[in-house]
């Protein structure tokens, strides 16, 4: 496998010290040496997935394999990704997190199942996977994760951007950060999403932050035009300095979108417009207190 260039290694050799050099946990010891991957060689490590990381500011990956001394075929592969920022590291973590995984207290947030442990801390995303076996004792995963966490910068906990979703309806730990094309639409360059419960109905809410109010209006206009071209009947309402859009999205069903300052606030897969407006109002108040940059 190809590793990162000597220049990358010299520039970030401290990343090697993040991994436990001798043992990860108990009888689990490192095989050979750690391997580095940069943007040019990441495909050698995760062919087919590498492009997912680039919009999130991927810089460098350090990887190692820890085999069980009693059964060398059983191993843990540990990958520590240096991303562009805290919100980027969270974005990758949320991309792989599964709803049925158990939450654990490591890093800013972490989850674990029988074959994988994930967590993020500061601008680093850590992914640990079982290989050669379908499951590994969770205490082994956890012990290894704690050692790695101690070697990473302490960080500042969860991204402040997630505070916008601190409303009763949002399902805890369903938040996601999409660094490119929210909802799959290029005119929504980046944004945050979460699941929410309203009136016994599971819906999705999202926030698209723009650089300015004018930019947000352009994003709103582009979405309006897209919906019209798709054959959807679009109702637009203006109220003071805000614009509201109601329509049926061809991919997401009933949608409500509000342009508020430099933000677009939206709800998809929702039946009742009144409920969508209530969610938007709650999100607006959170954005006033915790703006997204």
C-alpha atoms as a PDB file:
ATOM      1  CA  UNK A   1       0.000   0.000   0.000  1.00  0.00           C
ATOM      2  CA  UNK A   2       1.196   3.458  -0.818  1.00  0.00           C
ATOM      3  CA  UNK A   3       1.696   5.892   2.027  1.00  0.00           C
ATOM      4  CA  UNK A   4       1.673   9.669   2.164  1.00  0.00           C
ATOM      5  CA  UNK A   5       4.626  11.577   0.842  1.00  0.00           C
ATOM      6  CA  UNK A   6       7.646  12.343   2.989  1.00  0.00           C
ATOM      7  CA  UNK A   7       6.629  15.996   3.020  1.00  0.00           C
ATOM      8  CA  UNK A   8       3.191  15.134   4.431  1.00  0.00           C
ATOM      9  CA  UNK A   9       4.752  12.841   6.976  1.00  0.00           C
ATOM     10  CA  UNK A  10       7.241  15.472   8.126  1.00  0.00           C
ATOM     11  CA  UNK A  11       4.547  18.120   8.311  1.00  0.00           C
ATOM     12  CA  UNK A  12       2.298  16.012  10.512  1.00  0.00           C
ATOM     13  CA  UNK A  13       4.503  13.329  12.048  1.00  0.00           C
ATOM     14  CA  UNK A  14       2.834  14.020  15.408  1.00  0.00           C
ATOM     15  CA  UNK A  15      -0.249  12.232  14.069  1.00  0.00           C
ATOM     16  CA  UNK A  16       1.654   8.952  14.353  1.00  0.00           C
ATOM     17  CA  UNK A  17       1.757   9.425  18.127  1.00  0.00           C
ATOM     18  CA  UNK A  18      -2.042   9.374  18.259  1.00  0.00           C
ATOM     19  CA  UNK A  19      -2.073   5.588  17.927  1.00  0.00           C
ATOM     20  CA  UNK A  20      -0.865   3.347  20.782  1.00  0.00           C
ATOM     21  CA  UNK A  21       2.470   2.130  19.425  1.00  0.00           C
ATOM     22  CA  UNK A  22       2.726  -1.216  21.197  1.00  0.00           C
ATOM     23  CA  UNK A  23      -0.668  -2.415  22.345  1.00  0.00           C
ATOM     24  CA  UNK A  24      -4.150  -1.161  21.647  1.00  0.00           C
ATOM     25  CA  UNK A  25      -5.774  -3.160  24.424  1.00  0.00           C
ATOM     26  CA  UNK A  26      -4.637  -6.188  26.428  1.00  0.00           C
ATOM     27  CA  UNK A  27      -3.469  -8.878  23.995  1.00  0.00           C
ATOM     28  CA  UNK A  28      -4.052  -6.724  20.942  1.00  0.00           C
ATOM     29  CA  UNK A  29      -0.702  -5.523  19.544  1.00  0.00           C
ATOM     30  CA  UNK A  30       0.221  -3.521  16.466  1.00  0.00           C
ATOM     31  CA  UNK A  31       1.337  -5.349  13.342  1.00  0.00           C
ATOM     32  CA  UNK A  32       4.170  -3.663  11.423  1.00  0.00           C
ATOM     33  CA  UNK A  33       4.060   0.164  11.457  1.00  0.00           C
ATOM     34  CA  UNK A  34       1.432   2.840  11.042  1.00  0.00           C
ATOM     35  CA  UNK A  35       0.652   3.894   7.485  1.00  0.00           C
ATOM     36  CA  UNK A  36      -0.120   7.407   6.311  1.00  0.00           C
ATOM     37  CA  UNK A  37      -2.440   8.379   3.453  1.00  0.00           C
ATOM     38  CA  UNK A  38      -2.990  11.787   1.891  1.00  0.00           C
ATOM     39  CA  UNK A  39      -5.530  13.027  -0.674  1.00  0.00           C
ATOM     40  CA  UNK A  40      -3.603  11.339  -3.494  1.00  0.00           C
ATOM     41  CA  UNK A  41      -3.304   7.935  -1.826  1.00  0.00           C
ATOM     42  CA  UNK A  42      -6.502   7.690   0.253  1.00  0.00           C
ATOM     43  CA  UNK A  43      -8.030   5.525  -2.509  1.00  0.00           C
ATOM     44  CA  UNK A  44      -5.457   2.855  -1.659  1.00  0.00           C
ATOM     45  CA  UNK A  45      -6.961   2.577   1.806  1.00  0.00           C
ATOM     46  CA  UNK A  46     -10.686   3.053   1.127  1.00  0.00           C
ATOM     47  CA  UNK A  47     -11.265   2.647  -2.595  1.00  0.00           C
ATOM     48  CA  UNK A  48     -14.834   3.641  -3.405  1.00  0.00           C
ATOM     49  CA  UNK A  49     -15.233   5.785  -0.290  1.00  0.00           C
ATOM     50  CA  UNK A  50     -12.368   8.271  -0.532  1.00  0.00           C
ATOM     51  CA  UNK A  51     -14.374  10.896  -2.427  1.00  0.00           C
ATOM     52  CA  UNK A  52     -16.846  11.080   0.459  1.00  0.00           C
ATOM     53  CA  UNK A  53     -14.129  12.581   2.675  1.00  0.00           C
ATOM     54  CA  UNK A  54     -12.849  15.334   0.404  1.00  0.00           C
ATOM     55  CA  UNK A  55     -15.737  17.843   0.823  1.00  0.00           C
ATOM     56  CA  UNK A  56     -15.133  17.617   4.573  1.00  0.00           C
ATOM     57  CA  UNK A  57     -11.607  18.967   4.295  1.00  0.00           C
ATOM     58  CA  UNK A  58      -9.735  15.664   4.576  1.00  0.00           C
ATOM     59  CA  UNK A  59      -6.002  16.226   5.105  1.00  0.00           C
ATOM     60  CA  UNK A  60      -4.373  13.039   6.330  1.00  0.00           C
ATOM     61  CA  UNK A  61      -5.151   9.510   7.544  1.00  0.00           C
ATOM     62  CA  UNK A  62      -3.035   7.412   9.879  1.00  0.00           C
ATOM     63  CA  UNK A  63      -3.903   3.731   9.953  1.00  0.00           C
ATOM     64  CA  UNK A  64      -2.780   0.667  11.888  1.00  0.00           C
ATOM     65  CA  UNK A  65      -3.820  -2.927  12.467  1.00  0.00           C
ATOM     66  CA  UNK A  66      -3.894  -4.508  15.932  1.00  0.00           C
ATOM     67  CA  UNK A  67      -3.963  -8.328  15.974  1.00  0.00           C
ATOM     68  CA  UNK A  68      -4.934 -10.601  18.842  1.00  0.00           C
ATOM     69  CA  UNK A  69      -1.875 -12.456  20.158  1.00  0.00           C
ATOM     70  CA  UNK A  70      -3.973 -15.532  20.917  1.00  0.00           C
ATOM     71  CA  UNK A  71      -5.652 -15.544  17.498  1.00  0.00           C
ATOM     72  CA  UNK A  72      -3.725 -13.379  14.986  1.00  0.00           C
ATOM     73  CA  UNK A  73      -6.446 -13.685  12.348  1.00  0.00           C
ATOM     74  CA  UNK A  74      -8.698 -11.588  14.559  1.00  0.00           C
ATOM     75  CA  UNK A  75      -7.726  -7.930  14.346  1.00  0.00           C
ATOM     76  CA  UNK A  76      -8.873  -4.348  14.800  1.00  0.00           C
ATOM     77  CA  UNK A  77      -8.172  -1.889  12.023  1.00  0.00           C
ATOM     78  CA  UNK A  78      -7.869   1.659  13.357  1.00  0.00           C
ATOM     79  CA  UNK A  79      -8.150   4.719  11.122  1.00  0.00           C
ATOM     80  CA  UNK A  80      -7.675   8.257  12.428  1.00  0.00           C
ATOM     81  CA  UNK A  81      -8.698  10.914   9.888  1.00  0.00           C
ATOM     82  CA  UNK A  82      -7.584  14.515  10.199  1.00  0.00           C
ATOM     83  CA  UNK A  83     -10.442  16.578   8.770  1.00  0.00           C
ATOM     84  CA  UNK A  84     -10.831  20.257   7.994  1.00  0.00           C
ATOM     85  CA  UNK A  85     -12.567  21.272  11.240  1.00  0.00           C
ATOM     86  CA  UNK A  86     -14.663  20.050  14.144  1.00  0.00           C
ATOM     87  CA  UNK A  87     -17.904  20.252  12.133  1.00  0.00           C
ATOM     88  CA  UNK A  88     -16.242  18.301   9.307  1.00  0.00           C
ATOM     89  CA  UNK A  89     -15.131  15.549  11.698  1.00  0.00           C
ATOM     90  CA  UNK A  90     -18.671  15.416  13.060  1.00  0.00           C
ATOM     91  CA  UNK A  91     -20.018  15.221   9.504  1.00  0.00           C
ATOM     92  CA  UNK A  92     -17.995  12.085   8.768  1.00  0.00           C
ATOM     93  CA  UNK A  93     -18.924  10.554  12.111  1.00  0.00           C
ATOM     94  CA  UNK A  94     -22.635  11.166  11.478  1.00  0.00           C
ATOM     95  CA  UNK A  95     -22.272   9.689   7.988  1.00  0.00           C
ATOM     96  CA  UNK A  96     -21.260   6.296   9.421  1.00  0.00           C
ATOM     97  CA  UNK A  97     -23.216   6.354  12.694  1.00  0.00           C
ATOM     98  CA  UNK A  98     -26.186   3.968  12.799  1.00  0.00           C
ATOM     99  CA  UNK A  99     -29.370   4.582  14.732  1.00  0.00           C
ATOM    100  CA  UNK A 100     -29.189   1.191  16.479  1.00  0.00           C
ATOM    101  CA  UNK A 101     -25.588   1.627  17.683  1.00  0.00           C
ATOM    102  CA  UNK A 102     -25.033   2.213  21.383  1.00  0.00           C
ATOM    103  CA  UNK A 103     -23.732   5.613  22.473  1.00  0.00           C
ATOM    104  CA  UNK A 104     -20.484   5.627  24.445  1.00  0.00           C
ATOM    105  CA  UNK A 105     -18.606   8.349  26.313  1.00  0.00           C
ATOM    106  CA  UNK A 106     -15.433   8.823  24.321  1.00  0.00           C
ATOM    107  CA  UNK A 107     -14.323  11.949  22.477  1.00  0.00           C
ATOM    108  CA  UNK A 108     -17.050  14.475  21.726  1.00  0.00           C
ATOM    109  CA  UNK A 109     -19.460  11.661  20.793  1.00  0.00           C
ATOM    110  CA  UNK A 110     -19.075   7.978  20.081  1.00  0.00           C
ATOM    111  CA  UNK A 111     -21.029   4.868  19.151  1.00  0.00           C
ATOM    112  CA  UNK A 112     -20.251   1.171  19.301  1.00  0.00           C
ATOM    113  CA  UNK A 113     -21.576  -2.161  18.054  1.00  0.00           C
ATOM    114  CA  UNK A 114     -20.121  -5.662  17.932  1.00  0.00           C
ATOM    115  CA  UNK A 115     -17.916  -4.944  14.909  1.00  0.00           C
ATOM    116  CA  UNK A 116     -17.229  -1.194  14.929  1.00  0.00           C
ATOM    117  CA  UNK A 117     -16.528   1.794  17.148  1.00  0.00           C
ATOM    118  CA  UNK A 118     -16.734   5.392  15.939  1.00  0.00           C
ATOM    119  CA  UNK A 119     -15.981   8.696  17.603  1.00  0.00           C
ATOM    120  CA  UNK A 120     -14.828  12.191  16.787  1.00  0.00           C
ATOM    121  CA  UNK A 121     -12.787  14.665  18.795  1.00  0.00           C
ATOM    122  CA  UNK A 122     -11.603  18.114  17.783  1.00  0.00           C
ATOM    123  CA  UNK A 123     -10.991  17.852  14.010  1.00  0.00           C
ATOM    124  CA  UNK A 124     -10.336  14.096  14.083  1.00  0.00           C
ATOM    125  CA  UNK A 125     -12.650  11.259  13.103  1.00  0.00           C
ATOM    126  CA  UNK A 126     -11.755   7.793  14.427  1.00  0.00           C
ATOM    127  CA  UNK A 127     -13.083   4.597  12.885  1.00  0.00           C
ATOM    128  CA  UNK A 128     -12.268   1.181  14.391  1.00  0.00           C
ATOM    129  CA  UNK A 129     -13.413  -2.014  12.692  1.00  0.00           C
ATOM    130  CA  UNK A 130     -13.182  -5.742  13.393  1.00  0.00           C
ATOM    131  CA  UNK A 131     -11.545  -7.862  10.707  1.00  0.00           C
ATOM    132  CA  UNK A 132     -11.186 -11.629  10.504  1.00  0.00           C
ATOM    133  CA  UNK A 133     -14.148 -11.962  12.848  1.00  0.00           C
ATOM    134  CA  UNK A 134     -17.724 -10.735  12.987  1.00  0.00           C
ATOM    135  CA  UNK A 135     -17.449  -9.367  16.516  1.00  0.00           C
ATOM    136  CA  UNK A 136     -14.980  -8.195  19.129  1.00  0.00           C
ATOM    137  CA  UNK A 137     -15.640  -7.660  22.824  1.00  0.00           C
ATOM    138  CA  UNK A 138     -16.828  -4.107  23.331  1.00  0.00           C
ATOM    139  CA  UNK A 139     -14.482  -3.516  26.263  1.00  0.00           C
ATOM    140  CA  UNK A 140     -11.542  -4.155  23.888  1.00  0.00           C
ATOM    141  CA  UNK A 141     -12.838  -1.552  21.441  1.00  0.00           C
ATOM    142  CA  UNK A 142     -13.513   0.878  24.272  1.00  0.00           C
ATOM    143  CA  UNK A 143     -10.082   0.492  25.909  1.00  0.00           C
ATOM    144  CA  UNK A 144      -8.379   1.150  22.584  1.00  0.00           C
ATOM    145  CA  UNK A 145     -10.602   4.162  21.884  1.00  0.00           C
ATOM    146  CA  UNK A 146      -9.821   5.720  25.259  1.00  0.00           C
ATOM    147  CA  UNK A 147      -6.078   5.462  24.597  1.00  0.00           C
ATOM    148  CA  UNK A 148      -6.468   7.177  21.236  1.00  0.00           C
ATOM    149  CA  UNK A 149      -8.706   9.870  22.722  1.00  0.00           C
ATOM    150  CA  UNK A 150      -6.060  10.742  25.321  1.00  0.00           C
ATOM    151  CA  UNK A 151      -3.549  11.308  22.509  1.00  0.00           C
ATOM    152  CA  UNK A 152      -5.802  13.697  20.573  1.00  0.00           C
ATOM    153  CA  UNK A 153      -6.363  17.421  21.247  1.00  0.00           C
ATOM    154  CA  UNK A 154      -9.006  17.832  23.943  1.00  0.00           C
ATOM    155  CA  UNK A 155     -11.368  19.657  21.587  1.00  0.00           C
ATOM    156  CA  UNK A 156     -14.451  21.686  22.444  1.00  0.00           C
ATOM    157  CA  UNK A 157     -17.118  18.987  22.538  1.00  0.00           C
ATOM    158  CA  UNK A 158     -19.902  18.934  19.954  1.00  0.00           C
ATOM    159  CA  UNK A 159     -19.966  21.560  17.173  1.00  0.00           C
ATOM    160  CA  UNK A 160     -21.773  24.745  18.192  1.00  0.00           C
ATOM    161  CA  UNK A 161     -23.671  24.606  14.899  1.00  0.00           C
ATOM    162  CA  UNK A 162     -25.724  21.708  16.294  1.00  0.00           C
ATOM    163  CA  UNK A 163     -27.203  23.967  18.970  1.00  0.00           C
ATOM    164  CA  UNK A 164     -29.636  25.224  16.313  1.00  0.00           C
ATOM    165  CA  UNK A 165     -31.377  21.848  16.587  1.00  0.00           C
ATOM    166  CA  UNK A 166     -31.843  22.072  20.364  1.00  0.00           C
ATOM    167  CA  UNK A 167     -35.631  22.038  20.151  1.00  0.00           C
ATOM    168  CA  UNK A 168     -37.958  19.441  21.715  1.00  0.00           C
ATOM    169  CA  UNK A 169     -39.086  17.929  18.403  1.00  0.00           C
ATOM    170  CA  UNK A 170     -35.611  17.018  17.126  1.00  0.00           C
ATOM    171  CA  UNK A 171     -34.577  13.403  17.685  1.00  0.00           C
ATOM    172  CA  UNK A 172     -31.372  13.387  19.703  1.00  0.00           C
ATOM    173  CA  UNK A 173     -28.293  12.100  17.828  1.00  0.00           C
ATOM    174  CA  UNK A 174     -30.064  12.226  14.467  1.00  0.00           C
ATOM    175  CA  UNK A 175     -28.256  15.443  13.477  1.00  0.00           C
ATOM    176  CA  UNK A 176     -26.112  15.368  10.351  1.00  0.00           C
ATOM    177  CA  UNK A 177     -23.821  17.842   8.598  1.00  0.00           C
ATOM    178  CA  UNK A 178     -23.741  17.650   4.809  1.00  0.00           C
ATOM    179  CA  UNK A 179     -20.728  19.501   3.397  1.00  0.00           C
ATOM    180  CA  UNK A 180     -21.859  19.337  -0.220  1.00  0.00           C
ATOM    181  CA  UNK A 181     -25.261  19.337  -1.943  1.00  0.00           C
ATOM    182  CA  UNK A 182     -27.736  19.047   0.902  1.00  0.00           C
ATOM    183  CA  UNK A 183     -30.672  16.822  -0.146  1.00  0.00           C
ATOM    184  CA  UNK A 184     -28.624  16.033  -3.236  1.00  0.00           C
ATOM    185  CA  UNK A 185     -29.231  19.520  -4.679  1.00  0.00           C
ATOM    186  CA  UNK A 186     -26.251  21.567  -5.908  1.00  0.00           C
ATOM    187  CA  UNK A 187     -28.060  24.829  -5.133  1.00  0.00           C
ATOM    188  CA  UNK A 188     -27.939  23.868  -1.440  1.00  0.00           C
ATOM    189  CA  UNK A 189     -24.122  23.860  -1.122  1.00  0.00           C
ATOM    190  CA  UNK A 190     -23.986  22.693   2.516  1.00  0.00           C
ATOM    191  CA  UNK A 191     -26.245  22.390   5.515  1.00  0.00           C
ATOM    192  CA  UNK A 192     -27.482  20.582   8.602  1.00  0.00           C
ATOM    193  CA  UNK A 193     -30.282  18.029   8.848  1.00  0.00           C
ATOM    194  CA  UNK A 194     -32.048  16.165  11.633  1.00  0.00           C
ATOM    195  CA  UNK A 195     -35.056  13.950  12.232  1.00  0.00           C
ATOM    196  CA  UNK A 196     -37.962  15.431  14.160  1.00  0.00           C
ATOM    197  CA  UNK A 197     -41.207  14.155  15.641  1.00  0.00           C
ATOM    198  CA  UNK A 198     -44.321  16.285  15.313  1.00  0.00           C
ATOM    199  CA  UNK A 199     -47.872  15.081  15.873  1.00  0.00           C
ATOM    200  CA  UNK A 200     -46.675  11.474  15.918  1.00  0.00           C
ATOM    201  CA  UNK A 201     -45.081  11.959  12.500  1.00  0.00           C
ATOM    202  CA  UNK A 202     -41.364  11.514  11.747  1.00  0.00           C
ATOM    203  CA  UNK A 203     -40.119  14.295   9.463  1.00  0.00           C
ATOM    204  CA  UNK A 204     -36.806  15.872   8.551  1.00  0.00           C
ATOM    205  CA  UNK A 205     -35.747  19.440   9.202  1.00  0.00           C
ATOM    206  CA  UNK A 206     -32.803  21.216   7.617  1.00  0.00           C
ATOM    207  CA  UNK A 207     -30.893  24.481   7.713  1.00  0.00           C
ATOM    208  CA  UNK A 208     -28.873  25.872   4.817  1.00  0.00           C
ATOM    209  CA  UNK A 209     -26.518  28.692   5.894  1.00  0.00           C
ATOM    210  CA  UNK A 210     -25.489  31.089   3.120  1.00  0.00           C
ATOM    211  CA  UNK A 211     -22.776  33.738   3.094  1.00  0.00           C
ATOM    212  CA  UNK A 212     -25.321  36.557   2.876  1.00  0.00           C
ATOM    213  CA  UNK A 213     -29.035  37.297   2.661  1.00  0.00           C
ATOM    214  CA  UNK A 214     -28.710  37.814  -1.098  1.00  0.00           C
ATOM    215  CA  UNK A 215     -27.059  34.404  -1.454  1.00  0.00           C
ATOM    216  CA  UNK A 216     -29.872  32.796   0.568  1.00  0.00           C
ATOM    217  CA  UNK A 217     -32.455  34.449  -1.705  1.00  0.00           C
ATOM    218  CA  UNK A 218     -30.680  33.020  -4.744  1.00  0.00           C
ATOM    219  CA  UNK A 219     -30.714  29.523  -3.226  1.00  0.00           C
ATOM    220  CA  UNK A 220     -34.425  29.951  -2.490  1.00  0.00           C
ATOM    221  CA  UNK A 221     -35.058  31.067  -6.092  1.00  0.00           C
ATOM    222  CA  UNK A 222     -33.103  28.131  -7.528  1.00  0.00           C
ATOM    223  CA  UNK A 223     -35.136  25.671  -5.485  1.00  0.00           C
ATOM    224  CA  UNK A 224     -38.355  27.393  -6.563  1.00  0.00           C
ATOM    225  CA  UNK A 225     -37.353  27.103 -10.215  1.00  0.00           C
ATOM    226  CA  UNK A 226     -36.352  23.460  -9.804  1.00  0.00           C
ATOM    227  CA  UNK A 227     -39.726  22.587  -8.278  1.00  0.00           C
ATOM    228  CA  UNK A 228     -41.599  24.367 -11.065  1.00  0.00           C
ATOM    229  CA  UNK A 229     -39.615  22.526 -13.733  1.00  0.00           C
ATOM    230  CA  UNK A 230     -40.395  19.228 -11.994  1.00  0.00           C
ATOM    231  CA  UNK A 231     -44.093  19.951 -12.459  1.00  0.00           C
ATOM    232  CA  UNK A 232     -44.852  20.769  -8.841  1.00  0.00           C
ATOM    233  CA  UNK A 233     -47.339  23.468  -7.965  1.00  0.00           C
ATOM    234  CA  UNK A 234     -45.427  25.958  -5.826  1.00  0.00           C
ATOM    235  CA  UNK A 235     -47.002  28.438  -3.443  1.00  0.00           C
ATOM    236  CA  UNK A 236     -44.765  31.332  -2.364  1.00  0.00           C
ATOM    237  CA  UNK A 237     -45.751  33.756   0.378  1.00  0.00           C
ATOM    238  CA  UNK A 238     -43.963  36.930   1.405  1.00  0.00           C
ATOM    239  CA  UNK A 239     -44.159  38.275   4.944  1.00  0.00           C
ATOM    240  CA  UNK A 240     -42.022  41.261   5.955  1.00  0.00           C
ATOM    241  CA  UNK A 241     -38.424  40.239   5.177  1.00  0.00           C
ATOM    242  CA  UNK A 242     -39.141  36.491   4.859  1.00  0.00           C
ATOM    243  CA  UNK A 243     -40.229  34.218   2.027  1.00  0.00           C
ATOM    244  CA  UNK A 244     -42.144  30.959   2.441  1.00  0.00           C
ATOM    245  CA  UNK A 245     -42.416  28.142  -0.056  1.00  0.00           C
ATOM    246  CA  UNK A 246     -44.865  25.229  -0.014  1.00  0.00           C
ATOM    247  CA  UNK A 247     -44.750  22.475  -2.634  1.00  0.00           C
ATOM    248  CA  UNK A 248     -44.344  18.776  -3.304  1.00  0.00           C
ATOM    249  CA  UNK A 249     -40.717  17.843  -3.871  1.00  0.00           C
ATOM    250  CA  UNK A 250     -40.370  14.953  -6.381  1.00  0.00           C
ATOM    251  CA  UNK A 251     -37.920  13.198  -4.057  1.00  0.00           C
ATOM    252  CA  UNK A 252     -39.058  14.206  -0.578  1.00  0.00           C
ATOM    253  CA  UNK A 253     -42.807  14.752  -0.748  1.00  0.00           C
ATOM    254  CA  UNK A 254     -44.421  17.723   0.981  1.00  0.00           C
ATOM    255  CA  UNK A 255     -41.907  20.452   1.675  1.00  0.00           C
ATOM    256  CA  UNK A 256     -41.954  23.795   3.458  1.00  0.00           C
ATOM    257  CA  UNK A 257     -39.002  26.175   3.112  1.00  0.00           C
ATOM    258  CA  UNK A 258     -38.520  29.594   4.659  1.00  0.00           C
ATOM    259  CA  UNK A 259     -35.835  32.104   3.747  1.00  0.00           C
ATOM    260  CA  UNK A 260     -34.826  33.918   6.918  1.00  0.00           C
ATOM    261  CA  UNK A 261     -31.923  36.347   6.644  1.00  0.00           C
ATOM    262  CA  UNK A 262     -28.990  34.366   5.329  1.00  0.00           C
ATOM    263  CA  UNK A 263     -30.594  31.011   6.150  1.00  0.00           C
ATOM    264  CA  UNK A 264     -33.010  28.641   4.520  1.00  0.00           C
ATOM    265  CA  UNK A 265     -35.028  26.664   7.057  1.00  0.00           C
ATOM    266  CA  UNK A 266     -36.976  23.701   5.747  1.00  0.00           C
ATOM    267  CA  UNK A 267     -39.036  20.629   6.543  1.00  0.00           C
ATOM    268  CA  UNK A 268     -39.556  17.671   4.212  1.00  0.00           C
ATOM    269  CA  UNK A 269     -41.838  14.627   4.364  1.00  0.00           C
ATOM    270  CA  UNK A 270     -44.392  16.561   6.406  1.00  0.00           C
ATOM    271  CA  UNK A 271     -48.181  16.475   6.032  1.00  0.00           C
ATOM    272  CA  UNK A 272     -49.306  19.541   7.974  1.00  0.00           C
ATOM    273  CA  UNK A 273     -48.052  22.989   6.938  1.00  0.00           C
ATOM    274  CA  UNK A 274     -48.968  24.372  10.368  1.00  0.00           C
ATOM    275  CA  UNK A 275     -46.594  21.898  12.013  1.00  0.00           C
ATOM    276  CA  UNK A 276     -43.840  22.824   9.532  1.00  0.00           C
ATOM    277  CA  UNK A 277     -44.265  26.511  10.320  1.00  0.00           C
ATOM    278  CA  UNK A 278     -44.068  25.794  14.034  1.00  0.00           C
ATOM    279  CA  UNK A 279     -40.801  23.881  13.573  1.00  0.00           C
ATOM    280  CA  UNK A 280     -39.410  26.727  11.455  1.00  0.00           C
ATOM    281  CA  UNK A 281     -40.293  29.247  14.148  1.00  0.00           C
ATOM    282  CA  UNK A 282     -38.500  27.219  16.803  1.00  0.00           C
ATOM    283  CA  UNK A 283     -35.433  26.868  14.599  1.00  0.00           C
ATOM    284  CA  UNK A 284     -35.427  30.620  13.871  1.00  0.00           C
ATOM    285  CA  UNK A 285     -35.255  31.367  17.584  1.00  0.00           C
ATOM    286  CA  UNK A 286     -32.358  28.963  18.005  1.00  0.00           C
ATOM    287  CA  UNK A 287     -30.512  30.569  15.095  1.00  0.00           C
ATOM    288  CA  UNK A 288     -30.931  34.010  16.665  1.00  0.00           C
ATOM    289  CA  UNK A 289     -29.184  32.678  19.781  1.00  0.00           C
ATOM    290  CA  UNK A 290     -26.717  30.317  18.054  1.00  0.00           C
ATOM    291  CA  UNK A 291     -25.947  31.536  14.527  1.00  0.00           C
ATOM    292  CA  UNK A 292     -24.252  29.147  12.103  1.00  0.00           C
ATOM    293  CA  UNK A 293     -21.097  30.401  10.416  1.00  0.00           C
END
